[in-house]
PDB file of N, CA and C in Angstrom:
ATOM      1  N   MET A   1     111.437  99.686 104.167  1.00  0.00           N
ATOM      2  CA  MET A   1     110.871 100.944 104.647  1.00  0.00           C
ATOM      3  C   MET A   1     110.509 101.908 103.513  1.00  0.00           C
ATOM      4  N   PRO A   2     111.322 102.039 102.444  1.00  0.00           N
ATOM      5  CA  PRO A   2     110.950 102.965 101.375  1.00  0.00           C
ATOM      6  C   PRO A   2     109.605 102.636 100.732  1.00  0.00           C
ATOM      7  N   ARG A   3     109.267 101.356 100.602  1.00  0.00           N
ATOM      8  CA  ARG A   3     107.971 101.001 100.004  1.00  0.00           C
ATOM      9  C   ARG A   3     106.842 101.499 100.900  1.00  0.00           C
ATOM     10  N   TRP A   4     106.961 101.281 102.205  1.00  0.00           N
ATOM     11  CA  TRP A   4     105.944 101.735 103.159  1.00  0.00           C
ATOM     12  C   TRP A   4     105.850 103.262 103.116  1.00  0.00           C
ATOM     13  N   THR A   5     106.995 103.931 103.038  1.00  0.00           N
ATOM     14  CA  THR A   5     107.009 105.392 102.944  1.00  0.00           C
ATOM     15  C   THR A   5     106.298 105.846 101.674  1.00  0.00           C
ATOM     16  N   PHE A   6     106.573 105.183 100.560  1.00  0.00           N
ATOM     17  CA  PHE A   6     105.913 105.526  99.293  1.00  0.00           C
ATOM     18  C   PHE A   6     104.401 105.396  99.436  1.00  0.00           C
ATOM     19  N   ILE A   7     103.936 104.326 100.055  1.00  0.00           N
ATOM     20  CA  ILE A   7     102.494 104.104 100.244  1.00  0.00           C
ATOM     21  C   ILE A   7     101.898 105.192 101.138  1.00  0.00           C
ATOM     22  N   LYS A   8     102.592 105.550 102.213  1.00  0.00           N
ATOM     23  CA  LYS A   8     102.100 106.609 103.100  1.00  0.00           C
ATOM     24  C   LYS A   8     102.065 107.967 102.401  1.00  0.00           C
ATOM     25  N   VAL A   9     103.074 108.238 101.579  1.00  0.00           N
ATOM     26  CA  VAL A   9     103.089 109.501 100.818  1.00  0.00           C
ATOM     27  C   VAL A   9     101.896 109.548  99.873  1.00  0.00           C
ATOM     28  N   GLN A  10     101.594 108.422  99.232  1.00  0.00           N
ATOM     29  CA  GLN A  10     100.453 108.387  98.315  1.00  0.00           C
ATOM     30  C   GLN A  10      99.136 108.577  99.074  1.00  0.00           C
ATOM     31  N   ALA A  11      99.021 107.979 100.265  1.00  0.00           N
ATOM     32  CA  ALA A  11      97.810 108.165 101.085  1.00  0.00           C
ATOM     33  C   ALA A  11      97.661 109.629 101.492  1.00  0.00           C
ATOM     34  N   ALA A  12      98.760 110.251 101.890  1.00  0.00           N
ATOM     35  CA  ALA A  12      98.718 111.671 102.259  1.00  0.00           C
ATOM     36  C   ALA A  12      98.395 112.526 101.032  1.00  0.00           C
ATOM     37  N   SER A  13      98.913 112.125  99.888  1.00  0.00           N
ATOM     38  CA  SER A  13      98.614 112.849  98.653  1.00  0.00           C
ATOM     39  C   SER A  13      97.130 112.776  98.323  1.00  0.00           C
ATOM     40  N   ILE A  14      96.522 111.633  98.584  1.00  0.00           N
ATOM     41  CA  ILE A  14      95.082 111.494  98.342  1.00  0.00           C
ATOM     42  C   ILE A  14      94.300 112.424  99.266  1.00  0.00           C
ATOM     43  N   ALA A  15      94.707 112.494 100.532  1.00  0.00           N
ATOM     44  CA  ALA A  15      94.027 113.398 101.480  1.00  0.00           C
ATOM     45  C   ALA A  15      94.222 114.854 101.052  1.00  0.00           C
ATOM     46  N   GLY A  16      95.449 115.208 100.683  1.00  0.00           N
ATOM     47  CA  GLY A  16      95.710 116.567 100.207  1.00  0.00           C
ATOM     48  C   GLY A  16      94.949 116.865  98.931  1.00  0.00           C
ATOM     49  N   SER A  17      94.875 115.858  98.061  1.00  0.00           N
ATOM     50  CA  SER A  17      94.136 116.029  96.805  1.00  0.00           C
ATOM     51  C   SER A  17      92.645 116.221  97.047  1.00  0.00           C
ATOM     52  N   ALA A  18      92.113 115.548  98.056  1.00  0.00           N
ATOM     53  CA  ALA A  18      90.692 115.720  98.378  1.00  0.00           C
ATOM     54  C   ALA A  18      90.417 117.180  98.749  1.00  0.00           C
ATOM     55  N   ALA A  19      91.282 117.752  99.576  1.00  0.00           N
ATOM     56  CA  ALA A  19      91.128 119.164  99.951  1.00  0.00           C
ATOM     57  C   ALA A  19      91.325 120.063  98.730  1.00  0.00           C
ATOM     58  N   ASP A  20      92.294 119.714  97.915  1.00  0.00           N
ATOM     59  CA  ASP A  20      92.591 120.450  96.690  1.00  0.00           C
ATOM     60  C   ASP A  20      91.385 120.437  95.748  1.00  0.00           C
ATOM     61  N   TYR A  21      90.851 119.252  95.471  1.00  0.00           N
ATOM     62  CA  TYR A  21      89.720 119.112  94.546  1.00  0.00           C
ATOM     63  C   TYR A  21      88.486 119.825  95.074  1.00  0.00           C
ATOM     64  N   LEU A  22      88.203 119.666  96.343  1.00  0.00           N
ATOM     65  CA  LEU A  22      87.036 120.324  96.926  1.00  0.00           C
ATOM     66  C   LEU A  22      87.142 121.832  96.730  1.00  0.00           C
ATOM     67  N   THR A  23      88.311 122.378  97.034  1.00  0.00           N
ATOM     68  CA  THR A  23      88.527 123.817  96.865  1.00  0.00           C
ATOM     69  C   THR A  23      88.387 124.222  95.398  1.00  0.00           C
ATOM     70  N   THR A  24      89.048 123.481  94.512  1.00  0.00           N
ATOM     71  CA  THR A  24      89.016 123.804  93.079  1.00  0.00           C
ATOM     72  C   THR A  24      87.597 123.760  92.527  1.00  0.00           C
ATOM     73  N   ILE A  25      86.879 122.695  92.806  1.00  0.00           N
ATOM     74  CA  ILE A  25      85.525 122.533  92.265  1.00  0.00           C
ATOM     75  C   ILE A  25      84.579 123.585  92.831  1.00  0.00           C
ATOM     76  N   LEU A  26      84.684 123.854  94.128  1.00  0.00           N
ATOM     77  CA  LEU A  26      83.837 124.901  94.710  1.00  0.00           C
ATOM     78  C   LEU A  26      84.099 126.257  94.046  1.00  0.00           C
ATOM     79  N   LEU A  27      85.380 126.577  93.854  1.00  0.00           N
ATOM     80  CA  LEU A  27      85.710 127.860  93.246  1.00  0.00           C
ATOM     81  C   LEU A  27      85.225 127.970  91.803  1.00  0.00           C
ATOM     82  N   VAL A  28      85.355 126.901  91.030  1.00  0.00           N
ATOM     83  CA  VAL A  28      84.930 126.946  89.619  1.00  0.00           C
ATOM     84  C   VAL A  28      83.415 126.896  89.505  1.00  0.00           C
ATOM     85  N   GLU A  29      82.810 125.918  90.141  1.00  0.00           N
ATOM     86  CA  GLU A  29      81.385 125.662  89.943  1.00  0.00           C
ATOM     87  C   GLU A  29      80.467 126.629  90.691  1.00  0.00           C
ATOM     88  N   TYR A  30      80.873 127.066  91.881  1.00  0.00           N
ATOM     89  CA  TYR A  30      79.980 127.918  92.680  1.00  0.00           C
ATOM     90  C   TYR A  30      80.377 129.383  92.701  1.00  0.00           C
ATOM     91  N   PHE A  31      81.683 129.648  92.514  1.00  0.00           N
ATOM     92  CA  PHE A  31      82.138 131.031  92.538  1.00  0.00           C
ATOM     93  C   PHE A  31      82.605 131.504  91.162  1.00  0.00           C
ATOM     94  N   HIS A  32      82.454 130.638  90.143  1.00  0.00           N
ATOM     95  CA  HIS A  32      82.748 130.963  88.745  1.00  0.00           C
ATOM     96  C   HIS A  32      84.155 131.521  88.545  1.00  0.00           C
ATOM     97  N   CYS A  33      85.078 130.932  89.260  1.00  0.00           N
ATOM     98  CA  CYS A  33      86.492 131.276  89.168  1.00  0.00           C
ATOM     99  C   CYS A  33      87.082 130.636  87.913  1.00  0.00           C
ATOM    100  N   TRP A  34      88.078 131.263  87.309  1.00  0.00           N
ATOM    101  CA  TRP A  34      88.805 130.688  86.185  1.00  0.00           C
ATOM    102  C   TRP A  34      89.493 129.415  86.661  1.00  0.00           C
ATOM    103  N   TYR A  35      89.428 128.360  85.879  1.00  0.00           N
ATOM    104  CA  TYR A  35      89.918 127.050  86.314  1.00  0.00           C
ATOM    105  C   TYR A  35      91.399 127.050  86.702  1.00  0.00           C
ATOM    106  N   LEU A  36      92.232 127.872  86.067  1.00  0.00           N
ATOM    107  CA  LEU A  36      93.649 127.893  86.449  1.00  0.00           C
ATOM    108  C   LEU A  36      93.868 128.558  87.802  1.00  0.00           C
ATOM    109  N   LEU A  37      93.125 129.626  88.093  1.00  0.00           N
ATOM    110  CA  LEU A  37      93.215 130.261  89.407  1.00  0.00           C
ATOM    111  C   LEU A  37      92.685 129.306  90.479  1.00  0.00           C
ATOM    112  N   ALA A  38      91.573 128.657  90.195  1.00  0.00           N
ATOM    113  CA  ALA A  38      91.008 127.691  91.139  1.00  0.00           C
ATOM    114  C   ALA A  38      91.972 126.528  91.361  1.00  0.00           C
ATOM    115  N   ASN A  39      92.629 126.077  90.305  1.00  0.00           N
ATOM    116  CA  ASN A  39      93.621 125.013  90.422  1.00  0.00           C
ATOM    117  C   ASN A  39      94.761 125.448  91.337  1.00  0.00           C
ATOM    118  N   PHE A  40      95.241 126.659  91.162  1.00  0.00           N
ATOM    119  CA  PHE A  40      96.326 127.201  91.983  1.00  0.00           C
ATOM    120  C   PHE A  40      95.916 127.262  93.455  1.00  0.00           C
ATOM    121  N   LEU A  41      94.746 127.823  93.731  1.00  0.00           N
ATOM    122  CA  LEU A  41      94.285 127.946  95.113  1.00  0.00           C
ATOM    123  C   LEU A  41      94.013 126.573  95.738  1.00  0.00           C
ATOM    124  N   GLY A  42      93.457 125.665  94.960  1.00  0.00           N
ATOM    125  CA  GLY A  42      93.249 124.307  95.442  1.00  0.00           C
ATOM    126  C   GLY A  42      94.560 123.627  95.772  1.00  0.00           C
ATOM    127  N   ASN A  43      95.572 123.855  94.939  1.00  0.00           N
ATOM    128  CA  ASN A  43      96.905 123.307  95.203  1.00  0.00           C
ATOM    129  C   ASN A  43      97.467 123.840  96.512  1.00  0.00           C
ATOM    130  N   LEU A  44      97.264 125.096  96.807  1.00  0.00           N
ATOM    131  CA  LEU A  44      97.755 125.674  98.057  1.00  0.00           C
ATOM    132  C   LEU A  44      97.103 125.003  99.280  1.00  0.00           C
ATOM    133  N   VAL A  45      95.797 124.823  99.222  1.00  0.00           N
ATOM    134  CA  VAL A  45      95.081 124.180 100.323  1.00  0.00           C
ATOM    135  C   VAL A  45      95.557 122.732 100.485  1.00  0.00           C
ATOM    136  N   GLY A  46      95.611 122.008  99.381  1.00  0.00           N
ATOM    137  CA  GLY A  46      96.075 120.623  99.423  1.00  0.00           C
ATOM    138  C   GLY A  46      97.519 120.517  99.888  1.00  0.00           C
ATOM    139  N   GLY A  47      98.350 121.457  99.488  1.00  0.00           N
ATOM    140  CA  GLY A  47      99.751 121.474  99.910  1.00  0.00           C
ATOM    141  C   GLY A  47      99.908 121.660 101.401  1.00  0.00           C
ATOM    142  N   GLY A  48      99.073 122.496 101.986  1.00  0.00           N
ATOM    143  CA  GLY A  48      99.098 122.678 103.439  1.00  0.00           C
ATOM    144  C   GLY A  48      98.789 121.376 104.160  1.00  0.00           C
ATOM    145  N   PHE A  49      97.767 120.681 103.705  1.00  0.00           N
ATOM    146  CA  PHE A  49      97.421 119.374 104.283  1.00  0.00           C
ATOM    147  C   PHE A  49      98.583 118.395 104.120  1.00  0.00           C
ATOM    148  N   LEU A  50      99.161 118.369 102.936  1.00  0.00           N
ATOM    149  CA  LEU A  50     100.240 117.434 102.644  1.00  0.00           C
ATOM    150  C   LEU A  50     101.460 117.694 103.526  1.00  0.00           C
ATOM    151  N   PHE A  51     101.810 118.965 103.736  1.00  0.00           N
ATOM    152  CA  PHE A  51     102.962 119.277 104.585  1.00  0.00           C
ATOM    153  C   PHE A  51     102.743 118.771 106.005  1.00  0.00           C
ATOM    154  N   ILE A  52     101.587 119.047 106.546  1.00  0.00           N
ATOM    155  CA  ILE A  52     101.295 118.621 107.923  1.00  0.00           C
ATOM    156  C   ILE A  52     101.338 117.099 108.040  1.00  0.00           C
ATOM    157  N   LEU A  53     100.686 116.406 107.130  1.00  0.00           N
ATOM    158  CA  LEU A  53     100.690 114.940 107.171  1.00  0.00           C
ATOM    159  C   LEU A  53     102.091 114.377 106.957  1.00  0.00           C
ATOM    160  N   SER A  54     102.843 114.948 106.047  1.00  0.00           N
ATOM    161  CA  SER A  54     104.191 114.457 105.760  1.00  0.00           C
ATOM    162  C   SER A  54     105.113 114.635 106.957  1.00  0.00           C
ATOM    163  N   ARG A  55     105.053 115.777 107.564  1.00  0.00           N
ATOM    164  CA  ARG A  55     105.944 116.065 108.697  1.00  0.00           C
ATOM    165  C   ARG A  55     105.583 115.231 109.920  1.00  0.00           C
ATOM    166  N   LYS A  56     104.301 115.139 110.234  1.00  0.00           N
ATOM    167  CA  LYS A  56     103.868 114.488 111.475  1.00  0.00           C
ATOM    168  C   LYS A  56     103.722 112.968 111.350  1.00  0.00           C
ATOM    169  N   TRP A  57     103.217 112.488 110.219  1.00  0.00           N
ATOM    170  CA  TRP A  57     102.857 111.077 110.105  1.00  0.00           C
ATOM    171  C   TRP A  57     103.848 110.269 109.271  1.00  0.00           C
ATOM    172  N   ILE A  58     104.214 110.769 108.103  1.00  0.00           N
ATOM    173  CA  ILE A  58     105.027 109.970 107.189  1.00  0.00           C
ATOM    174  C   ILE A  58     106.487 109.942 107.605  1.00  0.00           C
ATOM    175  N   PHE A  59     107.089 111.102 107.698  1.00  0.00           N
ATOM    176  CA  PHE A  59     108.519 111.164 107.954  1.00  0.00           C
ATOM    177  C   PHE A  59     108.847 111.376 109.424  1.00  0.00           C
ATOM    178  N   ARG A  60     107.834 111.748 110.208  1.00  0.00           N
ATOM    179  CA  ARG A  60     108.036 112.025 111.640  1.00  0.00           C
ATOM    180  C   ARG A  60     109.338 112.785 111.846  1.00  0.00           C
ATOM    181  N   SER A  61     109.419 113.854 111.123  1.00  0.00           N
ATOM    182  CA  SER A  61     110.683 114.554 110.990  1.00  0.00           C
ATOM    183  C   SER A  61     110.731 115.826 111.825  1.00  0.00           C
ATOM    184  N   SER A  62     111.675 115.861 112.724  1.00  0.00           N
ATOM    185  CA  SER A  62     111.906 117.086 113.472  1.00  0.00           C
ATOM    186  C   SER A  62     113.322 117.592 113.212  1.00  0.00           C
ATOM    187  N   LYS A  63     114.119 116.796 112.483  1.00  0.00           N
ATOM    188  CA  LYS A  63     115.479 117.174 112.137  1.00  0.00           C
ATOM    189  C   LYS A  63     115.445 118.406 111.245  1.00  0.00           C
ATOM    190  N   GLY A  64     116.197 119.419 111.611  1.00  0.00           N
ATOM    191  CA  GLY A  64     116.247 120.619 110.797  1.00  0.00           C
ATOM    192  C   GLY A  64     115.217 121.663 111.195  1.00  0.00           C
ATOM    193  N   GLY A  65     114.241 121.292 111.993  1.00  0.00           N
ATOM    194  CA  GLY A  65     113.251 122.246 112.441  1.00  0.00           C
ATOM    195  C   GLY A  65     112.173 122.512 111.410  1.00  0.00           C
ATOM    196  N   VAL A  66     111.034 122.922 111.901  1.00  0.00           N
ATOM    197  CA  VAL A  66     109.864 123.123 111.058  1.00  0.00           C
ATOM    198  C   VAL A  66     110.079 124.253 110.043  1.00  0.00           C
ATOM    199  N   ARG A  67     110.784 125.304 110.417  1.00  0.00           N
ATOM    200  CA  ARG A  67     110.967 126.437 109.492  1.00  0.00           C
ATOM    201  C   ARG A  67     111.798 126.048 108.275  1.00  0.00           C
ATOM    202  N   ILE A  68     112.858 125.303 108.510  1.00  0.00           N
ATOM    203  CA  ILE A  68     113.701 124.868 107.388  1.00  0.00           C
ATOM    204  C   ILE A  68     112.917 123.913 106.496  1.00  0.00           C
ATOM    205  N   GLN A  69     112.210 122.978 107.108  1.00  0.00           N
ATOM    206  CA  GLN A  69     111.411 122.043 106.320  1.00  0.00           C
ATOM    207  C   GLN A  69     110.311 122.765 105.558  1.00  0.00           C
ATOM    208  N   MET A  70     109.686 123.728 106.198  1.00  0.00           N
ATOM    209  CA  MET A  70     108.626 124.476 105.519  1.00  0.00           C
ATOM    210  C   MET A  70     109.201 125.255 104.336  1.00  0.00           C
ATOM    211  N   ALA A  71     110.369 125.848 104.510  1.00  0.00           N
ATOM    212  CA  ALA A  71     110.997 126.584 103.410  1.00  0.00           C
ATOM    213  C   ALA A  71     111.315 125.637 102.248  1.00  0.00           C
ATOM    214  N   LYS A  72     111.854 124.468 102.567  1.00  0.00           N
ATOM    215  CA  LYS A  72     112.139 123.480 101.527  1.00  0.00           C
ATOM    216  C   LYS A  72     110.845 123.004 100.863  1.00  0.00           C
ATOM    217  N   PHE A  73     109.812 122.803 101.674  1.00  0.00           N
ATOM    218  CA  PHE A  73     108.531 122.353 101.136  1.00  0.00           C
ATOM    219  C   PHE A  73     107.948 123.408 100.207  1.00  0.00           C
ATOM    220  N   VAL A  74     108.055 124.670 100.589  1.00  0.00           N
ATOM    221  CA  VAL A  74     107.544 125.763  99.742  1.00  0.00           C
ATOM    222  C   VAL A  74     108.280 125.775  98.406  1.00  0.00           C
ATOM    223  N   LEU A  75     109.590 125.596  98.428  1.00  0.00           N
ATOM    224  CA  LEU A  75     110.346 125.531  97.172  1.00  0.00           C
ATOM    225  C   LEU A  75     109.895 124.350  96.318  1.00  0.00           C
ATOM    226  N   MET A  76     109.781 123.186  96.959  1.00  0.00           N
ATOM    227  CA  MET A  76     109.330 121.994  96.253  1.00  0.00           C
ATOM    228  C   MET A  76     107.922 122.214  95.702  1.00  0.00           C
ATOM    229  N   PHE A  77     107.066 122.792  96.508  1.00  0.00           N
ATOM    230  CA  PHE A  77     105.681 122.974  96.116  1.00  0.00           C
ATOM    231  C   PHE A  77     105.520 124.044  95.040  1.00  0.00           C
ATOM    232  N   ALA A  78     106.421 125.022  95.022  1.00  0.00           N
ATOM    233  CA  ALA A  78     106.394 126.019  93.945  1.00  0.00           C
ATOM    234  C   ALA A  78     106.617 125.319  92.599  1.00  0.00           C
ATOM    235  N   GLY A  79     107.552 124.372  92.591  1.00  0.00           N
ATOM    236  CA  GLY A  79     107.760 123.582  91.379  1.00  0.00           C
ATOM    237  C   GLY A  79     106.527 122.777  91.026  1.00  0.00           C
ATOM    238  N   ASN A  80     105.884 122.203  92.043  1.00  0.00           N
ATOM    239  CA  ASN A  80     104.649 121.449  91.829  1.00  0.00           C
ATOM    240  C   ASN A  80     103.560 122.346  91.241  1.00  0.00           C
ATOM    241  N   LEU A  81     103.427 123.540  91.770  1.00  0.00           N
ATOM    242  CA  LEU A  81     102.401 124.473  91.269  1.00  0.00           C
ATOM    243  C   LEU A  81     102.638 124.811  89.794  1.00  0.00           C
ATOM    244  N   LEU A  82     103.881 125.070  89.450  1.00  0.00           N
ATOM    245  CA  LEU A  82     104.195 125.393  88.052  1.00  0.00           C
ATOM    246  C   LEU A  82     103.934 124.202  87.133  1.00  0.00           C
ATOM    247  N   LEU A  83     104.398 123.034  87.546  1.00  0.00           N
ATOM    248  CA  LEU A  83     104.165 121.836  86.743  1.00  0.00           C
ATOM    249  C   LEU A  83     102.679 121.519  86.624  1.00  0.00           C
ATOM    250  N   SER A  84     101.947 121.688  87.730  1.00  0.00           N
ATOM    251  CA  SER A  84     100.513 121.417  87.736  1.00  0.00           C
ATOM    252  C   SER A  84      99.772 122.391  86.824  1.00  0.00           C
ATOM    253  N   ALA A  85     100.055 123.675  86.964  1.00  0.00           N
ATOM    254  CA  ALA A  85      99.381 124.681  86.135  1.00  0.00           C
ATOM    255  C   ALA A  85      99.672 124.439  84.657  1.00  0.00           C
ATOM    256  N   PHE A  86     100.930 124.182  84.339  1.00  0.00           N
ATOM    257  CA  PHE A  86     101.307 123.923  82.952  1.00  0.00           C
ATOM    258  C   PHE A  86     100.600 122.681  82.421  1.00  0.00           C
ATOM    259  N   GLY A  87     100.639 121.605  83.196  1.00  0.00           N
ATOM    260  CA  GLY A  87     100.011 120.357  82.762  1.00  0.00           C
ATOM    261  C   GLY A  87      98.514 120.478  82.602  1.00  0.00           C
ATOM    262  N   VAL A  88      97.847 121.101  83.571  1.00  0.00           N
ATOM    263  CA  VAL A  88      96.387 121.264  83.497  1.00  0.00           C
ATOM    264  C   VAL A  88      96.023 122.148  82.306  1.00  0.00           C
ATOM    265  N   PHE A  89      96.788 123.208  82.090  1.00  0.00           N
ATOM    266  CA  PHE A  89      96.506 124.081  80.951  1.00  0.00           C
ATOM    267  C   PHE A  89      96.657 123.328  79.626  1.00  0.00           C
ATOM    268  N   VAL A  90      97.760 122.614  79.470  1.00  0.00           N
ATOM    269  CA  VAL A  90      98.005 121.901  78.211  1.00  0.00           C
ATOM    270  C   VAL A  90      96.916 120.863  77.952  1.00  0.00           C
ATOM    271  N   VAL A  91      96.629 120.048  78.955  1.00  0.00           N
ATOM    272  CA  VAL A  91      95.649 118.976  78.760  1.00  0.00           C
ATOM    273  C   VAL A  91      94.244 119.551  78.557  1.00  0.00           C
ATOM    274  N   THR A  92      93.882 120.587  79.305  1.00  0.00           N
ATOM    275  CA  THR A  92      92.542 121.185  79.189  1.00  0.00           C
ATOM    276  C   THR A  92      92.404 121.981  77.893  1.00  0.00           C
ATOM    277  N   HIS A  93      93.370 122.844  77.640  1.00  0.00           N
ATOM    278  CA  HIS A  93      93.258 123.770  76.508  1.00  0.00           C
ATOM    279  C   HIS A  93      93.492 123.093  75.149  1.00  0.00           C
ATOM    280  N   PHE A  94      94.555 122.349  75.059  1.00  0.00           N
ATOM    281  CA  PHE A  94      94.918 121.778  73.755  1.00  0.00           C
ATOM    282  C   PHE A  94      94.234 120.449  73.445  1.00  0.00           C
ATOM    283  N   PHE A  95      93.945 119.670  74.475  1.00  0.00           N
ATOM    284  CA  PHE A  95      93.300 118.379  74.241  1.00  0.00           C
ATOM    285  C   PHE A  95      91.808 118.413  74.548  1.00  0.00           C
ATOM    286  N   ARG A  96      91.323 119.603  74.983  1.00  0.00           N
ATOM    287  CA  ARG A  96      89.898 119.814  75.245  1.00  0.00           C
ATOM    288  C   ARG A  96      89.332 118.800  76.249  1.00  0.00           C
ATOM    289  N   VAL A  97      90.116 118.518  77.273  1.00  0.00           N
ATOM    290  CA  VAL A  97      89.711 117.597  78.332  1.00  0.00           C
ATOM    291  C   VAL A  97      89.149 118.429  79.477  1.00  0.00           C
ATOM    292  N   ASN A  98      88.109 117.961  80.125  1.00  0.00           N
ATOM    293  CA  ASN A  98      87.513 118.640  81.273  1.00  0.00           C
ATOM    294  C   ASN A  98      88.596 118.935  82.314  1.00  0.00           C
ATOM    295  N   TYR A  99      88.520 120.102  82.955  1.00  0.00           N
ATOM    296  CA  TYR A  99      89.552 120.518  83.898  1.00  0.00           C
ATOM    297  C   TYR A  99      89.720 119.545  85.060  1.00  0.00           C
ATOM    298  N   ILE A 100      88.658 118.880  85.486  1.00  0.00           N
ATOM    299  CA  ILE A 100      88.767 117.919  86.589  1.00  0.00           C
ATOM    300  C   ILE A 100      89.547 116.681  86.139  1.00  0.00           C
ATOM    301  N   VAL A 101      89.295 116.215  84.951  1.00  0.00           N
ATOM    302  CA  VAL A 101      90.032 115.073  84.400  1.00  0.00           C
ATOM    303  C   VAL A 101      91.500 115.465  84.203  1.00  0.00           C
ATOM    304  N   SER A 102      91.733 116.658  83.673  1.00  0.00           N
ATOM    305  CA  SER A 102      93.108 117.145  83.492  1.00  0.00           C
ATOM    306  C   SER A 102      93.842 117.200  84.819  1.00  0.00           C
ATOM    307  N   LYS A 103      93.186 117.758  85.789  1.00  0.00           N
ATOM    308  CA  LYS A 103      93.772 117.892  87.122  1.00  0.00           C
ATOM    309  C   LYS A 103      94.090 116.517  87.706  1.00  0.00           C
ATOM    310  N   THR A 104      93.216 115.557  87.495  1.00  0.00           N
ATOM    311  CA  THR A 104      93.434 114.202  88.006  1.00  0.00           C
ATOM    312  C   THR A 104      94.655 113.563  87.352  1.00  0.00           C
ATOM    313  N   ILE A 105      94.741 113.662  86.055  1.00  0.00           N
ATOM    314  CA  ILE A 105      95.882 113.090  85.330  1.00  0.00           C
ATOM    315  C   ILE A 105      97.192 113.697  85.818  1.00  0.00           C
ATOM    316  N   ILE A 106      97.233 114.998  85.880  1.00  0.00           N
ATOM    317  CA  ILE A 106      98.461 115.693  86.272  1.00  0.00           C
ATOM    318  C   ILE A 106      98.783 115.427  87.742  1.00  0.00           C
ATOM    319  N   SER A 107      97.784 115.423  88.610  1.00  0.00           N
ATOM    320  CA  SER A 107      98.015 115.153  90.038  1.00  0.00           C
ATOM    321  C   SER A 107      98.614 113.770  90.265  1.00  0.00           C
ATOM    322  N   ILE A 108      98.104 112.783  89.566  1.00  0.00           N
ATOM    323  CA  ILE A 108      98.639 111.424  89.711  1.00  0.00           C
ATOM    324  C   ILE A 108     100.088 111.374  89.224  1.00  0.00           C
ATOM    325  N   LEU A 109     100.340 111.947  88.064  1.00  0.00           N
ATOM    326  CA  LEU A 109     101.703 111.938  87.530  1.00  0.00           C
ATOM    327  C   LEU A 109     102.689 112.634  88.467  1.00  0.00           C
ATOM    328  N   LEU A 110     102.305 113.779  88.993  1.00  0.00           N
ATOM    329  CA  LEU A 110     103.190 114.503  89.905  1.00  0.00           C
ATOM    330  C   LEU A 110     103.323 113.793  91.249  1.00  0.00           C
ATOM    331  N   GLY A 111     102.234 113.185  91.727  1.00  0.00           N
ATOM    332  CA  GLY A 111     102.251 112.519  93.036  1.00  0.00           C
ATOM    333  C   GLY A 111     103.189 111.336  93.105  1.00  0.00           C
ATOM    334  N   VAL A 112     103.221 110.539  92.052  1.00  0.00           N
ATOM    335  CA  VAL A 112     104.055 109.334  92.084  1.00  0.00           C
ATOM    336  C   VAL A 112     105.485 109.596  91.612  1.00  0.00           C
ATOM    337  N   SER A 113     105.752 110.782  91.139  1.00  0.00           N
ATOM    338  CA  SER A 113     107.103 111.077  90.664  1.00  0.00           C
ATOM    339  C   SER A 113     107.687 112.258  91.440  1.00  0.00           C
ATOM    340  N   TYR A 114     107.502 113.426  90.955  1.00  0.00           N
ATOM    341  CA  TYR A 114     108.115 114.640  91.487  1.00  0.00           C
ATOM    342  C   TYR A 114     107.888 114.817  92.995  1.00  0.00           C
ATOM    343  N   ASN A 115     106.638 114.785  93.446  1.00  0.00           N
ATOM    344  CA  ASN A 115     106.348 115.055  94.860  1.00  0.00           C
ATOM    345  C   ASN A 115     106.984 114.039  95.797  1.00  0.00           C
ATOM    346  N   TYR A 116     106.881 112.769  95.462  1.00  0.00           N
ATOM    347  CA  TYR A 116     107.460 111.728  96.303  1.00  0.00           C
ATOM    348  C   TYR A 116     108.979 111.889  96.396  1.00  0.00           C
ATOM    349  N   ILE A 117     109.617 112.032  95.260  1.00  0.00           N
ATOM    350  CA  ILE A 117     111.082 112.139  95.235  1.00  0.00           C
ATOM    351  C   ILE A 117     111.550 113.374  95.986  1.00  0.00           C
ATOM    352  N   MET A 118     110.922 114.492  95.748  1.00  0.00           N
ATOM    353  CA  MET A 118     111.342 115.735  96.395  1.00  0.00           C
ATOM    354  C   MET A 118     111.116 115.712  97.912  1.00  0.00           C
ATOM    355  N   GLN A 119     110.018 115.139  98.364  1.00  0.00           N
ATOM    356  CA  GLN A 119     109.791 115.059  99.808  1.00  0.00           C
ATOM    357  C   GLN A 119     110.818 114.152 100.478  1.00  0.00           C
ATOM    358  N   ARG A 120     111.048 113.018  99.863  1.00  0.00           N
ATOM    359  CA  ARG A 120     111.944 112.020 100.458  1.00  0.00           C
ATOM    360  C   ARG A 120     113.407 112.445 100.413  1.00  0.00           C
ATOM    361  N   LYS A 121     113.827 113.032  99.316  1.00  0.00           N
ATOM    362  CA  LYS A 121     115.252 113.351  99.122  1.00  0.00           C
ATOM    363  C   LYS A 121     115.643 114.785  99.489  1.00  0.00           C
ATOM    364  N   PHE A 122     114.665 115.699  99.535  1.00  0.00           N
ATOM    365  CA  PHE A 122     115.005 117.104  99.741  1.00  0.00           C
ATOM    366  C   PHE A 122     114.372 117.702 100.995  1.00  0.00           C
ATOM    367  N   VAL A 123     113.070 117.565 101.146  1.00  0.00           N
ATOM    368  CA  VAL A 123     112.371 118.268 102.225  1.00  0.00           C
ATOM    369  C   VAL A 123     112.592 117.617 103.582  1.00  0.00           C
ATOM    370  N   PHE A 124     112.360 116.345 103.674  1.00  0.00           N
ATOM    371  CA  PHE A 124     112.385 115.659 104.969  1.00  0.00           C
ATOM    372  C   PHE A 124     113.582 114.724 105.103  1.00  0.00           C
ATOM    373  N   THR A 125     114.780 115.209 104.721  1.00  0.00           N
ATOM    374  CA  THR A 125     115.986 114.391 104.810  1.00  0.00           C
ATOM    375  C   THR A 125     116.584 114.432 106.191  1.00  0.00           C
TER     376      THR A 125
END
C-alpha cells in the first residue's frame, strides 16, 4: 500500500504543480510580477489543489476532521513555501538558472521527499 500511496501523492503533486506553474507563469510573464512573489502565490494555489486531492482521493481521510488536517497541512505547507522560496532563489540567483527550471528542480526534490513524508506521517495520520 505505501508504494501505491507514494504514486498517488506524486500524481496529485503533478496536478497541484500544474496549477502552481500556470499561476506562476501567468503572474511573471503577463502581470510582470517578481518571480519570488509569483512562486509564492503559485505555491498557494497548487497547495489548495494538493490538500483537496490528498484528503479526498489519496488518504481518504476523515479521521481528525478537516479543520485539524487543514491546520496540519498549513504548517506542513508553510515549511514547503520556505524551502521552495529558498531553493528557487538560490538556484535562480546564484546559478543563473531560469526561474521555471529552478522551480521544477525544487518542486521535484520537495515532492518526493518533504511533502510525501509530511503528508503521510503528519497531516493525514
